Structure formats: structure tokens, C-alpha cells
Amino acid sequence: MMIRNSSENFDPELLKAAFGAVVIRHRIKLGMTRERFAETAGIGGSHLCRIENGEYAPNLITIRKIADALGYTSGELLDEADDYILHQ
């Protein structure tokens, strides 16, 4: 995991959108509907919808549930969200 010193440019809205985009990309790769994935991850469908749309910042437990259901670690998903932001 790379440590970045970017707190002065930190945009929580952009991070929420990037994390949601990462979740969508991996969920679609698995060929899962939003409803099926939410059930697999053990979270509510409307909750997942809000996360994927960048409307809600999930807590650590939810991030872990999502990561486990996707077959990744929490850190890998967060790193990918960071990379998504950096390459915009």
C-alpha cells in the first residue's frame, strides 16, 4: 500500500464516487446483479445502490463485506479507488 500525502487536496465526494465505480466494475466482472451481490455481501440492496452511486461513504465493516464478496482485500479496493482518482 502506497502512502500519499494529499490531505490538502482530499475530496470526500470524489473518493465516494471512485469507490462506487470500483465496486460496480468488479461486480459486473463477476456477472452479478446489484441485488444478488448485495445479498452475497450481506448488505441491503438500497445501501449498495447508494454506495455504487457515490452517495454514501461505507464504514469499514461494509467495505470489508464488499471486498470479501468481490474476492479482494479492503486495501486493494481502496488503493484502486485512489488510482481511479489519480488518473482522472
Protein backbone atom coordinates (compact mmCIF):
# COMPACT_ATOMS: atom_id res chain seq x y z
CA MET A 1 0.00 0.00 0.00
CA MET A 2 1.36 3.36 -1.03
CA ILE A 3 1.11 6.23 1.44
CA ARG A 4 0.15 9.50 -0.17
CA ASN A 5 0.34 12.92 1.42
CA SER A 6 -2.61 14.55 -0.25
CA SER A 7 -4.78 15.70 2.64
CA GLU A 8 -4.85 19.28 1.37
CA ASN A 9 -6.47 18.10 -1.89
CA PHE A 10 -8.71 15.45 -0.33
CA ASP A 11 -12.21 15.44 -1.80
CA PRO A 12 -14.55 13.06 0.04
CA GLU A 13 -17.17 13.29 -2.73
CA LEU A 14 -14.63 12.20 -5.33
CA LEU A 15 -13.49 9.30 -3.15
CA LYS A 16 -17.09 8.12 -2.68
CA ALA A 17 -17.66 8.24 -6.45
CA ALA A 18 -14.37 6.44 -7.17
CA PHE A 19 -15.07 3.69 -4.63
CA GLY A 20 -18.54 3.20 -6.09
CA ALA A 21 -17.10 2.94 -9.61
CA VAL A 22 -14.61 0.31 -8.44
CA VAL A 23 -17.36 -1.74 -6.81
CA ILE A 24 -19.51 -1.56 -9.95
CA ARG A 25 -16.62 -2.59 -12.20
CA HIS A 26 -15.79 -5.67 -10.12
CA ARG A 27 -19.44 -6.63 -9.55
CA ILE A 28 -20.09 -6.55 -13.29
CA LYS A 29 -16.93 -8.62 -13.92
CA LEU A 30 -18.47 -11.25 -11.66
CA GLY A 31 -21.68 -11.09 -13.70
CA MET A 32 -23.78 -10.28 -10.64
CA THR A 33 -26.83 -8.08 -10.44
CA ARG A 34 -26.84 -5.43 -7.76
CA GLU A 35 -29.46 -7.37 -5.81
CA ARG A 36 -27.57 -10.66 -5.94
CA PHE A 37 -24.30 -9.00 -4.99
CA ALA A 38 -25.90 -7.17 -2.06
CA GLU A 39 -27.24 -10.48 -0.79
CA THR A 40 -23.84 -12.16 -1.21
CA ALA A 41 -22.10 -9.31 0.61
CA GLY A 42 -24.70 -9.27 3.38
CA ILE A 43 -25.76 -5.66 2.88
CA GLY A 44 -29.04 -4.09 1.79
CA GLY A 45 -29.71 -3.50 -1.89
CA SER A 46 -30.56 0.18 -1.41
CA HIS A 47 -27.42 0.59 0.69
CA LEU A 48 -25.30 -0.91 -2.12
CA CYS A 49 -27.05 1.31 -4.66
CA ARG A 50 -26.14 4.43 -2.68
CA ILE A 51 -22.51 3.25 -2.35
CA GLU A 52 -22.21 2.48 -6.06
CA ASN A 53 -23.72 5.85 -6.97
CA GLY A 54 -21.24 7.67 -4.73
CA GLU A 55 -24.00 8.95 -2.46
CA TYR A 56 -22.78 7.22 0.70
CA ALA A 57 -19.39 6.53 2.28
CA PRO A 58 -19.46 2.98 3.67
CA ASN A 59 -17.99 2.21 7.07
CA LEU A 60 -15.05 -0.19 7.48
CA ILE A 61 -17.24 -3.20 8.17
CA THR A 62 -19.24 -2.62 4.98
CA ILE A 63 -16.06 -2.08 2.95
CA ARG A 64 -14.78 -5.41 4.28
CA LYS A 65 -18.03 -7.19 3.40
CA ILE A 66 -17.91 -5.77 -0.13
CA ALA A 67 -14.23 -6.65 -0.55
CA ASP A 68 -14.77 -10.21 0.67
CA ALA A 69 -17.70 -10.70 -1.70
CA LEU A 70 -15.60 -9.42 -4.61
CA GLY A 71 -12.59 -11.57 -3.68
CA TYR A 72 -10.33 -8.64 -2.81
CA THR A 73 -8.98 -7.09 0.36
CA SER A 74 -10.31 -3.80 1.65
CA GLY A 75 -6.92 -2.24 0.97
CA GLU A 76 -6.92 -3.38 -2.65
CA LEU A 77 -10.30 -1.77 -3.29
CA LEU A 78 -9.29 1.48 -1.58
CA ASP A 79 -6.00 1.55 -3.49
CA GLU A 80 -7.89 1.05 -6.72
CA ALA A 81 -10.23 3.92 -5.81
CA ASP A 82 -7.16 6.13 -5.17
CA ASP A 83 -5.71 5.14 -8.54
CA TYR A 84 -9.04 5.91 -10.20
CA ILE A 85 -8.90 9.43 -8.73
CA LEU A 86 -5.26 9.97 -9.72
CA HIS A 87 -5.90 9.01 -13.34
CA GLN A 88 -8.90 11.27 -13.89
